[in-house]
Amino acid sequence: MGISYPGVLMRLTKESEYALLGMAHLASQPAGSLVSLGRIAKSEGLPQTFLSKIFRKLARHQLLSRRPDDAAPVPVMVGRMLRR
């Protein structure tokens, strides 16, 4: 996947691309709603096993929570997510 701005092309790894797609899917849901990993994978056309590994890593770095009662939502900067 490439993201382009005038004069700039940024190449992402599959892991980064899937992380962004999964997080964007979560962000598009109503606040406080629960979304299963399987639903995200199916909606975005992503392999569920790989997405599961990615989401575990994001949760470990506190970029998302596994359960709604884990923590209040935290704003995530895309750059911070890509550096993980």
N, C-alpha and C. Protein backbone atom coordinates (compact mmCIF):
# COMPACT_ATOMS: atom_id res chain seq x y z
N MET A 1 0.87 -1.18 0.00
CA MET A 1 0.00 0.00 0.00
C MET A 1 0.90 1.22 0.00
N GLY A 2 0.58 2.20 -0.79
CA GLY A 2 1.31 3.45 -0.78
C GLY A 2 0.36 4.60 -0.48
N ILE A 3 0.80 5.50 0.35
CA ILE A 3 0.04 6.71 0.64
C ILE A 3 0.79 7.84 -0.03
N SER A 4 0.11 8.60 -0.87
CA SER A 4 0.83 9.65 -1.57
C SER A 4 0.26 11.03 -1.28
N TYR A 5 1.16 11.93 -1.12
CA TYR A 5 0.88 13.36 -1.03
C TYR A 5 1.71 13.97 -2.14
N PRO A 6 1.43 15.18 -2.55
CA PRO A 6 2.23 15.77 -3.63
C PRO A 6 3.72 15.65 -3.34
N GLY A 7 4.42 14.89 -4.19
CA GLY A 7 5.86 14.74 -4.05
C GLY A 7 6.31 13.74 -2.99
N VAL A 8 5.39 13.03 -2.33
CA VAL A 8 5.75 12.12 -1.26
C VAL A 8 5.04 10.78 -1.47
N LEU A 9 5.78 9.71 -1.32
CA LEU A 9 5.19 8.38 -1.35
C LEU A 9 5.69 7.63 -0.12
N MET A 10 4.77 7.11 0.66
CA MET A 10 5.12 6.38 1.87
C MET A 10 4.73 4.93 1.69
N ARG A 11 5.67 4.04 1.80
CA ARG A 11 5.39 2.61 1.70
C ARG A 11 5.19 2.04 3.10
N LEU A 12 4.15 1.23 3.24
CA LEU A 12 3.84 0.62 4.52
C LEU A 12 4.01 -0.89 4.43
N THR A 13 4.39 -1.50 5.54
CA THR A 13 4.41 -2.95 5.61
C THR A 13 2.97 -3.44 5.65
N LYS A 14 2.76 -4.71 5.37
CA LYS A 14 1.41 -5.29 5.48
C LYS A 14 0.90 -5.13 6.91
N GLU A 15 1.79 -5.33 7.89
CA GLU A 15 1.38 -5.20 9.29
C GLU A 15 0.88 -3.79 9.58
N SER A 16 1.60 -2.78 9.12
CA SER A 16 1.18 -1.39 9.34
C SER A 16 -0.11 -1.08 8.59
N GLU A 17 -0.21 -1.58 7.37
CA GLU A 17 -1.42 -1.35 6.57
C GLU A 17 -2.64 -1.96 7.26
N TYR A 18 -2.52 -3.21 7.70
CA TYR A 18 -3.63 -3.89 8.36
C TYR A 18 -3.98 -3.23 9.68
N ALA A 19 -2.96 -2.79 10.41
CA ALA A 19 -3.20 -2.09 11.68
C ALA A 19 -4.01 -0.82 11.44
N LEU A 20 -3.63 -0.05 10.43
CA LEU A 20 -4.34 1.18 10.11
C LEU A 20 -5.77 0.89 9.67
N LEU A 21 -5.94 -0.12 8.83
CA LEU A 21 -7.29 -0.46 8.36
C LEU A 21 -8.17 -0.92 9.53
N GLY A 22 -7.60 -1.74 10.41
CA GLY A 22 -8.36 -2.21 11.56
C GLY A 22 -8.72 -1.09 12.51
N MET A 23 -7.78 -0.21 12.78
CA MET A 23 -8.03 0.92 13.68
C MET A 23 -9.03 1.89 13.04
N ALA A 24 -8.94 2.09 11.73
CA ALA A 24 -9.89 2.97 11.05
C ALA A 24 -11.30 2.38 11.14
N HIS A 25 -11.39 1.06 11.02
CA HIS A 25 -12.70 0.41 11.15
C HIS A 25 -13.27 0.66 12.54
N LEU A 26 -12.43 0.48 13.56
CA LEU A 26 -12.89 0.73 14.94
C LEU A 26 -13.32 2.18 15.12
N ALA A 27 -12.55 3.09 14.55
CA ALA A 27 -12.86 4.52 14.69
C ALA A 27 -14.17 4.89 14.02
N SER A 28 -14.58 4.11 13.02
CA SER A 28 -15.81 4.43 12.30
C SER A 28 -17.07 3.93 13.03
N GLN A 29 -16.89 3.19 14.11
CA GLN A 29 -18.01 2.63 14.85
C GLN A 29 -18.51 3.64 15.90
N PRO A 30 -19.76 3.54 16.29
CA PRO A 30 -20.27 4.43 17.34
C PRO A 30 -19.47 4.25 18.64
N ALA A 31 -19.31 5.33 19.36
CA ALA A 31 -18.55 5.30 20.62
C ALA A 31 -19.13 4.26 21.56
N GLY A 32 -18.26 3.48 22.17
CA GLY A 32 -18.68 2.48 23.14
C GLY A 32 -19.19 1.18 22.56
N SER A 33 -19.25 1.08 21.22
CA SER A 33 -19.74 -0.16 20.63
C SER A 33 -18.66 -1.23 20.66
N LEU A 34 -19.08 -2.48 20.72
CA LEU A 34 -18.17 -3.62 20.70
C LEU A 34 -18.11 -4.17 19.30
N VAL A 35 -16.91 -4.48 18.84
CA VAL A 35 -16.73 -5.03 17.49
C VAL A 35 -15.81 -6.23 17.60
N SER A 36 -16.24 -7.36 17.06
CA SER A 36 -15.39 -8.56 17.11
C SER A 36 -14.28 -8.46 16.07
N LEU A 37 -13.20 -9.13 16.38
CA LEU A 37 -12.07 -9.17 15.46
C LEU A 37 -12.48 -9.82 14.14
N GLY A 38 -13.32 -10.87 14.24
CA GLY A 38 -13.80 -11.54 13.03
C GLY A 38 -14.59 -10.61 12.13
N ARG A 39 -15.39 -9.76 12.74
CA ARG A 39 -16.19 -8.80 11.97
C ARG A 39 -15.29 -7.78 11.27
N ILE A 40 -14.27 -7.31 11.99
CA ILE A 40 -13.33 -6.35 11.38
C ILE A 40 -12.62 -7.00 10.21
N ALA A 41 -12.10 -8.22 10.43
CA ALA A 41 -11.36 -8.92 9.38
C ALA A 41 -12.24 -9.13 8.15
N LYS A 42 -13.47 -9.56 8.37
CA LYS A 42 -14.38 -9.82 7.24
C LYS A 42 -14.73 -8.53 6.50
N SER A 43 -15.05 -7.48 7.27
CA SER A 43 -15.43 -6.20 6.65
C SER A 43 -14.31 -5.59 5.83
N GLU A 44 -13.08 -5.74 6.33
CA GLU A 44 -11.93 -5.12 5.66
C GLU A 44 -11.21 -6.06 4.70
N GLY A 45 -11.65 -7.33 4.66
CA GLY A 45 -11.01 -8.30 3.77
C GLY A 45 -9.60 -8.66 4.22
N LEU A 46 -9.39 -8.76 5.52
CA LEU A 46 -8.06 -9.04 6.08
C LEU A 46 -8.02 -10.43 6.69
N PRO A 47 -6.84 -11.07 6.69
CA PRO A 47 -6.73 -12.38 7.33
C PRO A 47 -6.88 -12.27 8.85
N GLN A 48 -7.85 -12.98 9.42
CA GLN A 48 -8.15 -12.84 10.84
C GLN A 48 -6.98 -13.23 11.74
N THR A 49 -6.25 -14.28 11.40
CA THR A 49 -5.14 -14.73 12.23
C THR A 49 -4.07 -13.65 12.33
N PHE A 50 -3.69 -13.06 11.21
CA PHE A 50 -2.67 -12.02 11.21
C PHE A 50 -3.19 -10.77 11.92
N LEU A 51 -4.44 -10.41 11.68
CA LEU A 51 -5.02 -9.24 12.34
C LEU A 51 -5.05 -9.44 13.86
N SER A 52 -5.30 -10.66 14.30
CA SER A 52 -5.30 -10.96 15.72
C SER A 52 -3.93 -10.69 16.34
N LYS A 53 -2.88 -11.13 15.67
CA LYS A 53 -1.51 -10.88 16.15
C LYS A 53 -1.22 -9.38 16.21
N ILE A 54 -1.65 -8.66 15.19
CA ILE A 54 -1.43 -7.22 15.14
C ILE A 54 -2.18 -6.52 16.28
N PHE A 55 -3.44 -6.90 16.49
CA PHE A 55 -4.23 -6.27 17.55
C PHE A 55 -3.69 -6.59 18.94
N ARG A 56 -3.14 -7.80 19.12
CA ARG A 56 -2.50 -8.11 20.41
C ARG A 56 -1.33 -7.16 20.66
N LYS A 57 -0.56 -6.91 19.60
CA LYS A 57 0.57 -5.99 19.72
C LYS A 57 0.08 -4.57 20.04
N LEU A 58 -0.97 -4.13 19.37
CA LEU A 58 -1.52 -2.79 19.63
C LEU A 58 -2.04 -2.69 21.06
N ALA A 59 -2.67 -3.75 21.55
CA ALA A 59 -3.17 -3.76 22.93
C ALA A 59 -2.02 -3.74 23.92
N ARG A 60 -0.97 -4.49 23.64
CA ARG A 60 0.21 -4.52 24.52
C ARG A 60 0.84 -3.13 24.64
N HIS A 61 0.79 -2.37 23.57
CA HIS A 61 1.34 -1.01 23.57
C HIS A 61 0.28 0.03 23.95
N GLN A 62 -0.87 -0.44 24.42
CA GLN A 62 -1.96 0.40 24.92
C GLN A 62 -2.52 1.33 23.85
N LEU A 63 -2.55 0.86 22.61
CA LEU A 63 -3.15 1.63 21.53
C LEU A 63 -4.61 1.26 21.33
N LEU A 64 -5.05 0.18 21.96
CA LEU A 64 -6.46 -0.19 22.01
C LEU A 64 -6.63 -1.10 23.21
N SER A 65 -7.87 -1.30 23.61
CA SER A 65 -8.13 -2.20 24.74
C SER A 65 -8.88 -3.42 24.23
N ARG A 66 -8.67 -4.53 24.89
CA ARG A 66 -9.30 -5.78 24.48
C ARG A 66 -10.74 -5.86 24.96
N ARG A 67 -11.04 -5.20 26.05
CA ARG A 67 -12.38 -5.22 26.63
C ARG A 67 -12.81 -3.78 26.89
N PRO A 68 -14.11 -3.51 26.83
CA PRO A 68 -14.58 -2.14 27.00
C PRO A 68 -14.29 -1.55 28.37
N ASP A 69 -14.10 -2.38 29.39
CA ASP A 69 -13.87 -1.86 30.74
C ASP A 69 -12.38 -1.71 31.06
N ASP A 70 -11.49 -1.99 30.10
CA ASP A 70 -10.05 -1.91 30.35
C ASP A 70 -9.58 -0.49 30.64
N ALA A 71 -10.02 0.44 29.83
CA ALA A 71 -9.53 1.81 29.98
C ALA A 71 -10.38 2.75 29.14
N ALA A 72 -10.27 4.02 29.46
CA ALA A 72 -10.94 5.03 28.65
C ALA A 72 -10.24 5.10 27.29
N PRO A 73 -10.96 5.47 26.22
CA PRO A 73 -10.31 5.58 24.92
C PRO A 73 -9.18 6.60 24.95
N VAL A 74 -8.12 6.29 24.24
CA VAL A 74 -6.95 7.16 24.18
C VAL A 74 -6.75 7.59 22.73
N PRO A 75 -6.62 8.88 22.47
CA PRO A 75 -6.36 9.30 21.10
C PRO A 75 -5.04 8.70 20.62
N VAL A 76 -5.00 8.25 19.39
CA VAL A 76 -3.80 7.62 18.85
C VAL A 76 -3.31 8.41 17.66
N MET A 77 -2.05 8.74 17.69
CA MET A 77 -1.43 9.40 16.56
C MET A 77 -0.93 8.32 15.61
N VAL A 78 -1.17 8.46 14.32
CA VAL A 78 -0.78 7.44 13.36
C VAL A 78 0.73 7.18 13.43
N GLY A 79 1.53 8.22 13.55
CA GLY A 79 2.98 8.05 13.65
C GLY A 79 3.38 7.18 14.82
N ARG A 80 2.73 7.36 15.95
CA ARG A 80 3.03 6.56 17.14
C ARG A 80 2.70 5.10 16.88
N MET A 81 1.60 4.85 16.21
CA MET A 81 1.21 3.48 15.91
C MET A 81 2.19 2.83 14.94
N LEU A 82 2.64 3.54 13.94
CA LEU A 82 3.55 2.98 12.94
C LEU A 82 4.93 2.70 13.52
N ARG A 83 5.33 3.43 14.54
CA ARG A 83 6.65 3.21 15.15
C ARG A 83 6.67 1.96 16.00
N ARG A 84 5.52 1.40 16.38
CA ARG A 84 5.48 0.21 17.26
C ARG A 84 5.86 -1.00 16.51
